[in-house]
Amino acid sequence: MNKILIITCTNRPDSYSKKVSKIYANILKNSNVDFDEFSLEEIPSTIIKDELYGNRSDGFEIIIDKYIRKSNKFIFVIPEYNGGFPGVLKVFIDAVHPREWTNKKACLVGVSSGRAGNLRGMDHLTGVLHYLKMNVYYNKLPISLIDKVLTDDHQFTLAEQLRICEMQVNGFLEY
């Protein structure tokens, strides 16, 4: 098993996070790496009622098997929600058994329309992932002012931003 999963960490349709995830997908594609993409838009809307505390629907078990079990590295693209990360991401993580995350690796990308690029959300998620015994890559990339640095066709307005993302991915591939 040597697969990377890009997780868009919001269930909001047409999000900036999903656009950033697509950029990361292109970087991985150009690196000839085996990867997949998953958005929290795909999780069942009944996740709180039906998937927590050991209950499983067939649909959620398919998500775990197809994406989580088959990946050993994860790129989390995390939008800032109220100074942290989206609650739906925490619910998703809680609905997956902790053993599915153990000893796997994570790379964090923060997305924010503010100045800090979701630094606090990445720090908070780092604590959660460490608790699950995941190894978090040191180069956490905050992307600030996302509504100004990203075009509608999934491109950064500055080539330097893409270069920084590529550097992060290349380091994570060696991690």
Protein backbone atom coordinates (compact mmCIF):
# COMPACT_ATOMS: atom_id res chain seq x y z
CA MET A 1 0.00 0.00 0.00
CA ASN A 2 1.59 3.24 -1.13
CA LYS A 3 -1.22 5.60 -2.01
CA ILE A 4 -1.91 9.23 -1.17
CA LEU A 5 -5.42 10.49 -0.50
CA ILE A 6 -6.26 14.18 -0.89
CA ILE A 7 -9.14 15.02 1.45
CA THR A 8 -11.18 18.17 0.87
CA CYS A 9 -12.12 18.81 4.49
CA THR A 10 -15.49 20.46 4.01
CA ASN A 11 -18.85 19.37 2.72
CA ARG A 12 -19.55 22.83 1.29
CA PRO A 13 -20.26 22.60 -2.44
CA ASP A 14 -17.91 24.48 -4.81
CA SER A 15 -15.51 25.39 -2.01
CA TYR A 16 -12.13 27.05 -2.32
CA SER A 17 -10.73 24.00 -0.54
CA LYS A 18 -11.90 21.77 -3.37
CA LYS A 19 -10.21 24.06 -5.88
CA VAL A 20 -6.96 23.84 -3.90
CA SER A 21 -7.37 20.05 -3.73
CA LYS A 22 -7.52 20.00 -7.53
CA ILE A 23 -4.23 21.91 -7.69
CA TYR A 24 -2.65 19.33 -5.39
CA ALA A 25 -4.09 16.56 -7.56
CA ASN A 26 -2.38 18.09 -10.59
CA ILE A 27 0.91 18.30 -8.72
CA LEU A 28 0.66 14.60 -7.76
CA LYS A 29 -0.37 13.65 -11.29
CA ASN A 30 2.70 15.41 -12.68
CA SER A 31 4.83 13.51 -10.13
CA ASN A 32 3.46 10.15 -11.33
CA VAL A 33 2.22 9.28 -7.86
CA ASP A 34 -0.67 6.92 -7.08
CA PHE A 35 -3.33 9.09 -5.46
CA ASP A 36 -7.03 9.52 -5.04
CA GLU A 37 -9.31 12.40 -4.12
CA PHE A 38 -12.09 12.45 -1.55
CA SER A 39 -14.35 15.30 -0.50
CA LEU A 40 -16.44 15.39 2.64
CA GLU A 41 -19.30 16.26 0.28
CA GLU A 42 -19.37 12.49 -0.33
CA ILE A 43 -20.10 11.41 3.24
CA PRO A 44 -23.65 10.38 4.14
CA SER A 45 -25.74 13.24 5.53
CA THR A 46 -26.81 10.92 8.35
CA ILE A 47 -23.24 10.50 9.60
CA ILE A 48 -23.93 11.78 13.14
CA LYS A 49 -26.88 9.48 13.67
CA ASP A 50 -25.84 6.42 11.68
CA GLU A 51 -22.03 6.17 11.56
CA LEU A 52 -20.76 6.98 15.04
CA TYR A 53 -20.24 4.62 17.97
CA GLY A 54 -19.70 1.45 15.95
CA ASN A 55 -22.74 1.70 13.72
CA ARG A 56 -22.00 1.40 10.00
CA SER A 57 -24.04 1.83 6.89
CA ASP A 58 -22.92 0.03 3.76
CA GLY A 59 -22.15 3.36 2.11
CA PHE A 60 -19.79 4.55 4.84
CA GLU A 61 -17.98 1.20 5.01
CA ILE A 62 -17.33 1.53 1.26
CA ILE A 63 -15.80 5.00 1.84
CA ILE A 64 -13.52 3.65 4.58
CA ASP A 65 -12.43 0.69 2.49
CA LYS A 66 -11.97 2.58 -0.78
CA TYR A 67 -10.19 5.63 0.62
CA ILE A 68 -8.88 5.29 4.17
CA ARG A 69 -7.70 1.67 4.26
CA LYS A 70 -6.08 1.89 0.83
CA SER A 71 -4.06 5.01 1.65
CA ASN A 72 -0.98 5.41 3.80
CA LYS A 73 -0.52 9.15 3.27
CA PHE A 74 -3.11 11.91 3.41
CA ILE A 75 -3.14 15.52 2.26
CA PHE A 76 -5.77 17.37 4.27
CA VAL A 77 -6.95 20.61 2.62
CA ILE A 78 -8.57 22.39 5.54
CA PRO A 79 -10.70 25.52 5.35
CA GLU A 80 -10.89 27.83 8.33
CA TYR A 81 -14.21 27.66 10.13
CA ASN A 82 -14.54 29.98 13.12
CA GLY A 83 -10.82 29.97 13.86
CA GLY A 84 -10.48 26.19 13.53
CA PHE A 85 -11.37 23.38 11.18
CA PRO A 86 -14.87 22.30 10.09
CA GLY A 87 -16.91 20.25 12.54
CA VAL A 88 -17.80 17.86 9.74
CA LEU A 89 -14.11 16.91 9.52
CA LYS A 90 -14.04 16.03 13.23
CA VAL A 91 -17.23 13.99 12.87
CA PHE A 92 -15.71 12.17 9.88
CA ILE A 93 -12.48 11.42 11.76
CA ASP A 94 -14.47 10.23 14.79
CA ALA A 95 -16.62 7.95 12.62
CA VAL A 96 -13.53 6.11 11.31
CA HIS A 97 -12.03 3.66 13.81
CA PRO A 98 -8.73 5.00 15.23
CA ARG A 99 -6.79 1.92 14.03
CA GLU A 100 -7.44 3.02 10.42
CA TRP A 101 -5.30 6.15 10.98
CA THR A 102 -2.49 4.63 13.11
CA ASN A 103 1.07 4.98 11.75
CA LYS A 104 -0.05 6.75 8.60
CA LYS A 105 1.27 10.13 7.46
CA ALA A 106 -0.49 13.46 7.04
CA CYS A 107 0.29 16.70 5.22
CA LEU A 108 -1.76 19.78 6.12
CA VAL A 109 -2.80 22.67 3.88
CA GLY A 110 -4.75 25.50 5.50
CA VAL A 111 -7.12 27.62 3.44
CA SER A 112 -8.52 30.93 4.62
CA SER A 113 -9.89 34.18 3.28
CA GLY A 114 -8.15 35.83 6.25
CA ARG A 115 -4.48 36.56 6.93
CA ALA A 116 -3.34 33.46 8.80
CA GLY A 117 -4.20 30.67 6.34
CA ASN A 118 -5.91 28.63 9.06
CA LEU A 119 -2.83 28.21 11.25
CA ARG A 120 -4.97 27.57 14.34
CA GLY A 121 -7.07 24.97 12.54
CA MET A 122 -3.95 23.15 11.35
CA ASP A 123 -2.50 23.20 14.87
CA HIS A 124 -5.74 21.85 16.31
CA LEU A 125 -5.96 19.11 13.67
CA THR A 126 -2.31 18.22 14.33
CA GLY A 127 -3.22 17.49 17.96
CA VAL A 128 -6.13 15.27 16.90
CA LEU A 129 -3.99 13.39 14.36
CA HIS A 130 -1.16 12.90 16.86
CA TYR A 131 -3.68 11.44 19.29
CA LEU A 132 -4.63 8.96 16.55
CA LYS A 133 -0.91 8.08 16.24
CA MET A 134 -0.50 9.68 12.82
CA ASN A 135 2.76 11.30 11.75
CA VAL A 136 2.21 14.90 10.65
CA TYR A 137 4.65 16.39 8.14
CA TYR A 138 6.34 19.46 9.60
CA ASN A 139 5.74 21.72 6.57
CA LYS A 140 2.15 22.84 7.16
CA LEU A 141 1.22 25.29 4.43
CA PRO A 142 -1.13 28.19 5.23
CA ILE A 143 -2.77 29.73 2.16
CA SER A 144 -4.16 33.13 3.07
CA LEU A 145 -6.53 35.43 1.19
CA ILE A 146 -7.72 32.46 -0.85
CA ASP A 147 -10.49 34.46 -2.51
CA LYS A 148 -7.82 36.76 -3.96
CA VAL A 149 -5.05 34.28 -4.86
CA LEU A 150 -7.15 31.65 -6.63
CA THR A 151 -8.91 31.88 -9.97
CA ASP A 152 -12.14 30.12 -10.91
CA ASP A 153 -10.25 27.67 -13.12
CA HIS A 154 -8.24 26.22 -10.20
CA GLN A 155 -5.06 28.25 -10.71
CA PHE A 156 -3.10 30.53 -8.41
CA THR A 157 -2.73 34.13 -9.49
CA LEU A 158 0.99 33.96 -8.60
CA ALA A 159 3.36 31.27 -9.88
CA GLU A 160 5.24 31.52 -6.56
CA GLN A 161 2.26 30.07 -4.67
CA LEU A 162 2.20 27.02 -6.94
CA ARG A 163 5.96 26.59 -6.50
CA ILE A 164 5.54 26.61 -2.71
CA CYS A 165 2.80 23.96 -2.95
CA GLU A 166 5.02 21.83 -5.19
CA MET A 167 7.88 22.13 -2.68
CA GLN A 168 5.55 20.98 0.10
CA VAL A 169 4.37 17.98 -1.92
CA ASN A 170 7.91 17.00 -2.93
CA GLY A 171 9.00 17.07 0.70
CA PHE A 172 5.95 15.05 1.74
CA LEU A 173 6.66 12.44 -0.93
CA GLU A 174 10.11 11.92 0.64
CA TYR A 175 8.65 11.87 4.18
